[in-house]
Amino acid sequence: MVDTFTANAGFVIQEAGTNDNTWGTNLNGNWNLSDDFLGKVTEITATGGTVVLTDTQEKVSAIKVAGTLVSNLILQLSGRGGKWKVRNDTTGDFTVTVRATGTGTVLATIPRGNWRSIIVDTTSTPADVYLEAESIIEPEVDVAAAATTDVLGASSQQVRVTGSGQTITSLGTGANTVKFVRFADSNTLTHNATSLILPNAGNDIVTAAGDSCIVLSDSSSNARVTAYQRASGRALQEAGFSTGDVAWTPGSPGARENWVIPNGQTIGSATSGATQRADADTEDLFKYLWNNLANAEAPVPGGRGDSADDDWNNNRQITLPSMNARATIGLDTMGGVNANRMTVAQSGTDGNTPGEGGGLESHQLTIGQMPRHDHTTPPGFGGFITGSGGGQYQGGASGGASNETGEVGNDESHSNMQPFMTGTWYMKL
């Protein structure tokens, strides 16, 4: 009879009565294999492509991969069942995945800078590889904010984005991964319907210190931001409303969460000294007003700086539009052509300047605005005319001269108000 071997580790199963004088050698070989499985690490350096592990490279407890990748890397096992720890120490914007066999369809992704436990299931045909659920909470690492902020490629699942004033258009490269992200300061996440999907109805997000979210990526490293939570506790977006929207209620002014009252007071950061609301949660509206209304309509006391970010970071204030006793009206173009219903010539107001005010509560007609008429007597009239004020006026005796009547009226203004109902305007933060 001949010796046999175990299916996975390849231990020698010695046939009874065989291997005289070599039984100890075979047993020691089994012990060496056991020791390798318990503590040996295979180190592989690669640049990409598919690396097929040898029998010796597989018979270990851990595998470490290093090298500068120029393409995605696949580590291919032989299909034997078992459990390994795999670490990705590569550099370059490419992925490292593991599959159980050359025909395996399941790929387990190993994030850069991380260990992951993989299990090969031989009950599937072909054998499949799976990631074991990790119970270790990794330490938080810092990633500097930039146009490409490499959150997905960070060496830990816990990521803090540092720095401020950056417009972030990409979260880097890392396929099929999950990151738990915390922001240390103010930056702008820019929505992209493919590569940076934000949960804000397609609107960008201005982060604040302490904000957090979860980032999920697909096989192409397209990132989706989910579960965004502001440090202030206020909603990222109130259903049906975006920053700068206005709403009217037929009640008296009062506190309304996530809204301010556009009454000509100011908003700004917590240290700005703003008169209506000084809080970090005003940042979105501060920048919205700065970027959409001119300084004449939304003044920054002392004049505006170079940008909305600069003025916000310098703890400046911005003035809310004064909608006190104001009705609203659409721009004359409304994205199309001029309707010529509100012109400077007629109203004194440029109907295409957002936020510009106009109109009067009352108006006194000028002579030029009165209907054309006269108050003269016929030439040659010699009698008396009794005026509406009670006076009598003698007409001319003969000749061609006209005689003017006396003055009437109180020289007062008239109401210029449309039918209305009073209430309170609110503006969304």
Protein backbone atom coordinates (compact mmCIF):
# COMPACT_ATOMS: atom_id res chain seq x y z
CA MET A 1 0.00 0.00 0.00
CA VAL A 2 1.15 3.52 -0.70
CA ASP A 3 0.83 6.69 1.34
CA THR A 4 -1.97 9.18 0.58
CA PHE A 5 -2.29 12.92 1.14
CA THR A 6 -4.89 15.25 2.64
CA ALA A 7 -6.98 17.20 0.10
CA ASN A 8 -6.13 20.76 1.13
CA ALA A 9 -2.84 20.98 3.03
CA GLY A 10 -1.23 17.94 1.42
CA PHE A 11 -0.25 16.25 4.70
CA VAL A 12 1.16 12.73 4.25
CA ILE A 13 -1.19 10.01 5.47
CA GLN A 14 1.22 7.13 6.06
CA GLU A 15 -0.02 3.66 5.38
CA ALA A 16 0.25 1.37 8.38
CA GLY A 17 3.34 -0.80 8.26
CA THR A 18 5.13 1.29 5.66
CA ASN A 19 8.00 3.78 5.69
CA ASP A 20 10.39 1.80 7.86
CA ASN A 21 13.11 4.17 9.08
CA THR A 22 11.47 7.13 7.20
CA TRP A 23 8.28 7.49 9.21
CA GLY A 24 9.84 10.25 11.32
CA THR A 25 10.95 12.16 8.22
CA ASN A 26 7.41 12.15 6.83
CA LEU A 27 5.97 13.16 10.18
CA ASN A 28 8.41 16.05 10.44
CA GLY A 29 7.34 17.16 6.96
CA ASN A 30 3.75 17.30 8.17
CA TRP A 31 4.82 19.36 11.18
CA ASN A 32 6.66 21.77 8.89
CA LEU A 33 3.55 22.18 6.75
CA SER A 34 1.52 22.82 9.87
CA ASP A 35 3.99 25.44 11.01
CA ASP A 36 3.81 27.19 7.62
CA PHE A 37 0.02 27.25 7.75
CA LEU A 38 0.11 28.68 11.23
CA GLY A 39 2.67 31.43 10.78
CA LYS A 40 4.50 31.72 7.47
CA VAL A 41 3.96 34.70 5.15
CA THR A 42 4.32 34.55 1.38
CA GLU A 43 5.58 37.83 -0.10
CA ILE A 44 4.75 38.62 -3.72
CA THR A 45 5.86 41.62 -5.78
CA ALA A 46 3.85 42.36 -8.90
CA THR A 47 2.90 45.15 -11.31
CA GLY A 48 -0.50 43.82 -12.39
CA GLY A 49 -2.09 41.11 -14.46
CA THR A 50 -2.77 37.63 -13.07
CA VAL A 51 -0.33 35.99 -10.65
CA VAL A 52 -0.91 32.23 -10.19
CA LEU A 53 0.35 31.17 -6.77
CA THR A 54 2.50 28.06 -6.55
CA ASP A 55 1.72 25.18 -4.25
CA THR A 56 4.40 26.33 -1.83
CA GLN A 57 3.18 29.96 -1.90
CA GLU A 58 -0.33 28.82 -1.03
CA LYS A 59 0.61 26.63 1.92
CA VAL A 60 0.95 29.55 4.32
CA SER A 61 -1.27 31.51 6.70
CA ALA A 62 -0.77 34.91 5.12
CA ILE A 63 0.07 36.52 1.77
CA LYS A 64 1.48 40.03 1.32
CA VAL A 65 1.41 41.77 -2.07
CA ALA A 66 3.66 44.71 -2.90
CA GLY A 67 4.81 46.59 -6.01
CA THR A 68 3.82 49.56 -8.12
CA LEU A 69 0.78 48.55 -10.13
CA VAL A 70 0.35 49.63 -13.74
CA SER A 71 -2.86 47.58 -14.13
CA ASN A 72 -5.30 45.68 -11.95
CA LEU A 73 -3.84 42.62 -10.21
CA ILE A 74 -5.53 39.23 -9.69
CA LEU A 75 -4.06 36.68 -7.26
CA GLN A 76 -5.17 33.25 -8.45
CA LEU A 77 -5.30 30.26 -6.06
CA SER A 78 -5.42 26.59 -6.99
CA GLY A 79 -8.93 25.97 -5.70
CA ARG A 80 -7.93 24.17 -2.48
CA GLY A 81 -10.16 24.95 0.47
CA GLY A 82 -8.87 27.02 3.32
CA LYS A 83 -8.50 30.41 4.94
CA TRP A 84 -5.81 33.03 4.38
CA LYS A 85 -4.97 36.55 5.45
CA VAL A 86 -4.06 38.75 2.45
CA ARG A 87 -2.51 42.23 2.67
CA ASN A 88 -2.36 44.81 -0.12
CA ASP A 89 0.81 46.94 0.12
CA THR A 90 0.83 47.99 -3.52
CA THR A 91 0.91 51.54 -4.86
CA GLY A 92 -0.82 52.96 -7.93
CA ASP A 93 -4.48 53.54 -8.73
CA PHE A 94 -5.35 49.91 -9.44
CA THR A 95 -7.09 47.10 -7.59
CA VAL A 96 -5.91 43.84 -6.03
CA THR A 97 -8.40 40.97 -6.07
CA VAL A 98 -8.25 37.26 -5.25
CA ARG A 99 -10.04 34.41 -6.99
CA ALA A 100 -10.16 30.74 -6.03
CA THR A 101 -9.37 29.20 -9.44
CA GLY A 102 -8.70 30.17 -13.03
CA THR A 103 -12.39 29.71 -13.77
CA GLY A 104 -13.63 31.33 -10.57
CA THR A 105 -16.16 34.10 -11.11
CA VAL A 106 -16.13 35.62 -7.62
CA LEU A 107 -13.39 38.17 -6.91
CA ALA A 108 -12.55 39.32 -3.39
CA THR A 109 -11.12 42.86 -3.32
CA ILE A 110 -8.29 43.64 -0.91
CA PRO A 111 -8.22 47.40 -0.13
CA ARG A 112 -4.83 49.11 -0.31
CA GLY A 113 -2.99 49.17 3.02
CA ASN A 114 -5.31 46.58 4.58
CA TRP A 115 -5.38 42.95 5.69
CA ARG A 116 -8.43 40.93 4.71
CA SER A 117 -9.42 37.35 5.59
CA ILE A 118 -10.49 35.23 2.62
CA ILE A 119 -12.16 31.83 2.63
CA VAL A 120 -12.21 29.43 -0.33
CA ASP A 121 -15.42 27.42 -0.52
CA THR A 122 -14.81 24.11 -2.32
CA THR A 123 -18.49 23.12 -2.19
CA SER A 124 -19.05 25.42 -5.18
CA THR A 125 -18.16 24.40 -8.73
CA PRO A 126 -15.80 25.99 -9.47
CA ALA A 127 -14.59 26.91 -6.00
CA ASP A 128 -15.39 30.47 -4.95
CA VAL A 129 -13.56 32.90 -2.68
CA TYR A 130 -15.23 35.10 -0.08
CA LEU A 131 -14.19 37.83 2.31
CA GLU A 132 -14.70 37.00 5.95
CA ALA A 133 -16.60 39.62 7.93
CA GLU A 134 -14.10 41.75 9.82
CA SER A 135 -14.69 42.61 13.45
CA ILE A 136 -11.63 44.83 13.91
CA ILE A 137 -12.24 48.58 13.82
CA GLU A 138 -9.32 50.10 11.98
CA PRO A 139 -7.71 53.32 13.19
CA GLU A 140 -8.74 56.53 11.43
CA VAL A 141 -6.32 57.92 8.86
CA ASP A 142 -6.11 61.45 7.46
CA VAL A 143 -6.52 62.26 3.77
CA ALA A 144 -5.89 65.84 2.62
CA ALA A 145 -8.72 67.53 0.75
CA ALA A 146 -7.98 68.23 -2.92
CA ALA A 147 -9.76 68.06 -6.27
CA THR A 148 -9.12 64.31 -6.04
CA THR A 149 -9.39 63.38 -2.39
CA ASP A 150 -8.28 59.73 -2.27
CA VAL A 151 -10.76 58.43 0.28
CA LEU A 152 -11.29 55.14 -1.58
CA GLY A 153 -7.54 54.43 -1.66
CA ALA A 154 -6.96 55.21 2.02
CA SER A 155 -5.22 52.55 4.15
CA SER A 156 -8.15 52.30 6.57
CA GLN A 157 -11.90 52.10 6.41
CA GLN A 158 -12.02 55.03 8.83
CA VAL A 159 -11.02 58.25 7.03
CA ARG A 160 -10.83 61.87 8.14
CA VAL A 161 -10.70 64.50 5.38
CA THR A 162 -8.49 67.39 6.47
CA GLY A 163 -7.92 70.86 5.02
CA SER A 164 -10.45 73.40 3.80
CA GLY A 165 -11.55 75.49 0.85
CA GLN A 166 -11.25 72.68 -1.73
CA THR A 167 -13.72 71.75 -4.46
CA ILE A 168 -13.74 67.94 -4.40
CA THR A 169 -14.64 66.34 -7.73
CA SER A 170 -13.36 62.78 -7.08
CA LEU A 171 -12.92 60.49 -4.08
CA GLY A 172 -10.05 58.59 -5.67
CA THR A 173 -9.68 54.95 -6.67
CA GLY A 174 -10.72 51.80 -4.83
CA ALA A 175 -13.13 49.28 -6.28
CA ASN A 176 -15.93 47.60 -4.32
CA THR A 177 -15.05 49.15 -1.01
CA VAL A 178 -16.75 50.88 1.91
CA LYS A 179 -15.33 53.90 3.76
CA PHE A 180 -16.56 55.69 6.85
CA VAL A 181 -15.68 59.34 6.39
CA ARG A 182 -15.50 62.31 8.76
CA PHE A 183 -14.79 65.90 7.68
CA ALA A 184 -12.50 68.17 9.67
CA ASP A 185 -13.40 71.42 7.91
CA SER A 186 -15.31 73.13 5.12
CA ASN A 187 -14.97 71.82 1.56
CA THR A 188 -17.37 71.40 -1.37
CA LEU A 189 -18.36 67.94 -2.60
CA THR A 190 -19.33 68.29 -6.28
CA HIS A 191 -22.11 66.03 -7.54
CA ASN A 192 -21.44 63.86 -10.58
CA ALA A 193 -24.20 61.52 -11.70
CA THR A 194 -21.66 58.78 -12.52
CA SER A 195 -18.51 59.06 -10.43
CA LEU A 196 -19.50 61.07 -7.32
CA ILE A 197 -23.18 60.58 -6.58
CA LEU A 198 -24.45 62.74 -3.72
CA PRO A 199 -27.68 62.27 -1.72
CA ASN A 200 -28.74 65.87 -2.20
CA ALA A 201 -31.00 65.81 -5.27
CA GLY A 202 -28.04 66.53 -7.51
CA ASN A 203 -26.87 69.50 -5.45
CA ASP A 204 -23.33 69.96 -4.18
CA ILE A 205 -22.64 69.59 -0.45
CA VAL A 206 -20.63 72.10 1.55
CA THR A 207 -19.09 70.12 4.39
CA ALA A 208 -18.57 71.39 7.92
CA ALA A 209 -16.32 70.23 10.73
CA GLY A 210 -17.73 67.06 12.25
CA ASP A 211 -19.94 66.08 9.29
CA SER A 212 -19.78 62.37 8.46
CA CYS A 213 -20.92 59.95 5.76
CA ILE A 214 -20.47 56.49 4.27
CA VAL A 215 -18.89 56.11 0.83
CA LEU A 216 -19.55 53.02 -1.32
CA SER A 217 -17.72 52.27 -4.55
CA ASP A 218 -18.48 49.93 -7.45
CA SER A 219 -16.10 47.86 -9.57
CA SER A 220 -15.10 51.00 -11.52
CA SER A 221 -14.40 53.07 -8.37
CA ASN A 222 -17.49 55.19 -8.93
CA ALA A 223 -18.38 56.58 -5.51
CA ARG A 224 -21.80 56.96 -3.94
CA VAL A 225 -22.11 59.03 -0.76
CA THR A 226 -24.78 57.72 1.61
CA ALA A 227 -25.98 58.41 5.16
CA TYR A 228 -24.61 61.96 5.17
CA GLN A 229 -25.01 63.40 8.67
CA ARG A 230 -24.33 67.04 9.50
CA ALA A 231 -22.60 67.77 12.80
CA SER A 232 -25.26 70.42 13.43
CA GLY A 233 -27.97 67.75 13.28
CA ARG A 234 -29.98 69.57 10.63
CA ALA A 235 -31.22 67.72 7.57
CA LEU A 236 -29.04 67.65 4.49
CA GLN A 237 -32.11 68.52 2.46
CA GLU A 238 -35.65 69.20 3.60
CA ALA A 239 -38.09 67.39 1.33
CA GLY A 240 -39.04 69.61 -1.58
CA PHE A 241 -36.75 72.52 -0.66
CA SER A 242 -33.20 73.53 -1.55
CA THR A 243 -30.91 76.19 -0.14
CA GLY A 244 -32.22 79.69 -0.97
CA ASP A 245 -35.84 78.62 -1.50
CA VAL A 246 -38.45 80.85 0.12
CA ALA A 247 -41.75 79.89 1.74
CA TRP A 248 -44.62 82.00 3.02
CA THR A 249 -46.89 81.39 6.00
CA PRO A 250 -49.84 83.54 7.13
CA GLY A 251 -48.49 83.72 10.66
CA SER A 252 -46.26 85.93 12.75
CA PRO A 253 -42.46 85.50 12.58
CA GLY A 254 -41.13 82.63 14.67
CA ALA A 255 -38.28 80.13 14.83
CA ARG A 256 -38.41 77.53 12.07
CA GLU A 257 -35.74 74.82 11.98
CA ASN A 258 -33.35 75.06 9.01
CA TRP A 259 -34.85 78.39 7.90
CA VAL A 260 -34.15 82.10 8.49
CA ILE A 261 -36.35 85.16 7.96
CA PRO A 262 -35.25 87.38 5.03
CA ASN A 263 -35.71 90.72 6.77
CA GLY A 264 -32.50 92.58 5.98
CA GLN A 265 -30.55 91.21 8.94
CA THR A 266 -27.29 89.30 8.52
CA ILE A 267 -26.11 85.69 8.73
CA GLY A 268 -22.62 84.27 9.11
CA SER A 269 -20.37 81.83 10.97
CA ALA A 270 -20.47 81.27 14.71
CA THR A 271 -17.85 84.01 15.26
CA SER A 272 -19.16 86.45 12.65
CA GLY A 273 -21.39 88.49 14.97
CA ALA A 274 -24.27 88.18 12.48
CA THR A 275 -27.49 89.83 13.65
CA GLN A 276 -30.03 87.09 12.78
CA ARG A 277 -28.08 83.84 12.85
CA ALA A 278 -24.38 83.27 13.58
CA ASP A 279 -23.86 79.53 13.12
CA ALA A 280 -21.97 77.07 10.91
CA ASP A 281 -25.29 75.88 9.48
CA THR A 282 -25.67 79.15 7.53
CA GLU A 283 -22.71 78.38 5.27
CA ASP A 284 -24.72 76.98 2.35
CA LEU A 285 -27.08 79.98 2.29
CA PHE A 286 -24.22 82.44 2.81
CA LYS A 287 -22.47 81.10 -0.31
CA TYR A 288 -25.73 80.83 -2.26
CA LEU A 289 -26.51 84.52 -1.68
CA TRP A 290 -22.91 85.54 -2.38
CA ASN A 291 -22.82 83.67 -5.69
CA ASN A 292 -26.35 84.46 -6.93
CA LEU A 293 -27.03 88.04 -5.81
CA ALA A 294 -24.91 91.12 -6.36
CA ASN A 295 -23.52 93.04 -3.41
CA ALA A 296 -26.22 95.69 -3.93
CA GLU A 297 -28.93 93.09 -3.25
CA ALA A 298 -27.07 91.01 -0.59
CA PRO A 299 -24.35 93.27 0.84
CA VAL A 300 -21.36 92.03 2.78
CA PRO A 301 -20.73 94.78 5.35
CA GLY A 302 -17.50 96.53 4.40
CA GLY A 303 -17.58 95.11 0.86
CA ARG A 304 -17.07 91.66 -0.60
CA GLY A 305 -13.76 89.81 -0.74
CA ASP A 306 -12.40 87.62 -3.55
CA SER A 307 -14.90 84.78 -3.18
CA ALA A 308 -17.69 83.34 -1.08
CA ASP A 309 -15.22 80.87 0.46
CA ASP A 310 -12.85 83.69 1.43
CA ASP A 311 -15.58 85.77 3.06
CA TRP A 312 -16.98 82.76 4.91
CA ASN A 313 -13.56 81.62 6.13
CA ASN A 314 -12.82 85.17 7.27
CA ASN A 315 -16.01 85.16 9.37
CA ARG A 316 -17.72 87.93 7.40
CA GLN A 317 -21.47 88.56 7.44
CA ILE A 318 -23.85 88.73 4.50
CA THR A 319 -27.15 90.60 4.46
CA LEU A 320 -30.36 88.71 3.83
CA PRO A 321 -32.72 90.21 1.25
CA SER A 322 -35.37 92.40 2.87
CA MET A 323 -38.71 90.86 2.02
CA ASN A 324 -40.51 92.92 4.65
CA ALA A 325 -43.86 93.98 3.16
CA ARG A 326 -42.76 92.62 -0.24
CA ALA A 327 -44.60 90.61 -2.85
CA THR A 328 -42.47 88.56 -5.26
CA ILE A 329 -42.34 88.77 -9.04
CA GLY A 330 -40.61 86.75 -11.75
CA LEU A 331 -37.65 88.06 -13.72
CA ASP A 332 -38.62 89.63 -17.03
CA THR A 333 -36.82 86.91 -18.99
CA MET A 334 -37.31 83.87 -16.70
CA GLY A 335 -34.73 82.01 -18.79
CA GLY A 336 -36.39 82.94 -22.08
CA VAL A 337 -36.82 86.23 -23.91
CA ASN A 338 -37.77 89.59 -22.42
CA ALA A 339 -41.48 89.92 -21.76
CA ASN A 340 -41.04 93.72 -21.40
CA ARG A 341 -43.54 93.77 -18.56
CA MET A 342 -41.04 95.27 -16.11
CA THR A 343 -38.65 97.75 -17.65
CA VAL A 344 -36.50 100.55 -16.26
CA ALA A 345 -38.38 103.06 -18.42
CA GLN A 346 -41.75 102.24 -16.89
CA SER A 347 -41.01 100.87 -13.41
CA GLY A 348 -37.61 102.31 -12.66
CA THR A 349 -36.45 98.75 -11.90
CA ASP A 350 -34.26 96.40 -13.94
CA GLY A 351 -36.53 93.40 -14.24
CA ASN A 352 -33.61 91.03 -14.92
CA THR A 353 -31.53 91.71 -11.81
CA PRO A 354 -32.12 88.91 -9.26
CA GLY A 355 -33.09 90.26 -5.86
CA GLU A 356 -33.74 93.83 -6.99
CA GLY A 357 -36.63 95.62 -5.29
CA GLY A 358 -39.11 98.16 -6.57
CA GLY A 359 -42.64 99.49 -6.28
CA LEU A 360 -44.34 102.04 -3.99
CA GLU A 361 -47.01 101.86 -1.31
CA SER A 362 -48.59 105.07 -2.60
CA HIS A 363 -48.07 107.44 -5.51
CA GLN A 364 -48.79 111.07 -6.28
CA LEU A 365 -49.59 111.71 -9.91
CA THR A 366 -47.47 114.21 -11.74
CA ILE A 367 -48.96 116.60 -14.27
CA GLY A 368 -47.44 114.49 -17.00
CA GLN A 369 -49.30 111.39 -15.72
CA MET A 370 -52.73 113.07 -15.69
CA PRO A 371 -55.15 112.58 -18.57
CA ARG A 372 -55.04 115.42 -21.09
CA HIS A 373 -57.81 118.02 -20.27
CA ASP A 374 -58.42 121.77 -19.81
CA HIS A 375 -60.20 124.15 -17.45
CA THR A 376 -60.71 127.14 -19.76
CA THR A 377 -63.80 129.22 -20.61
CA PRO A 378 -64.82 129.84 -24.19
CA PRO A 379 -63.32 133.00 -25.70
CA GLY A 380 -65.71 136.00 -25.55
CA PHE A 381 -67.82 134.48 -22.78
CA GLY A 382 -69.00 137.36 -20.57
CA GLY A 383 -71.03 135.69 -17.89
CA PHE A 384 -70.06 134.00 -14.67
CA ILE A 385 -69.02 130.37 -14.12
CA THR A 386 -69.53 128.77 -10.73
CA GLY A 387 -66.58 126.49 -10.01
CA SER A 388 -66.83 123.21 -8.10
CA GLY A 389 -65.08 124.96 -5.20
CA GLY A 390 -67.92 127.48 -4.96
CA GLY A 391 -66.11 130.49 -6.45
CA GLN A 392 -67.41 132.50 -9.39
CA TYR A 393 -65.23 133.46 -12.31
CA GLN A 394 -66.03 136.14 -14.91
CA GLY A 395 -65.50 135.30 -18.50
CA GLY A 396 -63.75 137.56 -20.99
CA ALA A 397 -65.77 140.39 -22.52
CA SER A 398 -64.76 140.02 -26.12
CA GLY A 399 -61.45 139.34 -27.84
CA GLY A 400 -59.71 135.98 -28.04
CA ALA A 401 -58.17 135.54 -24.54
CA SER A 402 -59.14 132.57 -22.36
CA ASN A 403 -59.72 132.81 -18.62
CA GLU A 404 -58.47 130.01 -16.26
CA THR A 405 -60.65 128.60 -13.50
CA GLY A 406 -59.57 128.32 -9.88
CA GLU A 407 -57.74 125.31 -8.27
CA VAL A 408 -59.44 122.36 -6.53
CA GLY A 409 -58.14 119.14 -4.85
CA ASN A 410 -55.90 118.35 -1.84
CA ASP A 411 -52.63 117.43 -3.63
CA GLU A 412 -52.58 113.94 -1.97
CA SER A 413 -51.11 110.55 -2.99
CA HIS A 414 -53.29 107.58 -3.84
CA SER A 415 -52.90 103.95 -2.71
CA ASN A 416 -50.86 101.84 -5.07
CA MET A 417 -51.43 98.48 -3.34
CA GLN A 418 -52.78 95.33 -4.97
CA PRO A 419 -55.14 93.12 -2.94
CA PHE A 420 -52.95 91.29 -0.42
CA MET A 421 -52.68 89.14 2.70
CA THR A 422 -49.88 89.61 5.23
CA GLY A 423 -47.70 86.88 6.69
CA THR A 424 -44.04 85.89 7.09
CA TRP A 425 -41.46 84.89 4.51
CA TYR A 426 -38.81 82.27 5.37
CA MET A 427 -35.62 81.37 3.46
CA LYS A 428 -34.09 77.86 3.46
CA LEU A 429 -30.61 77.41 4.90
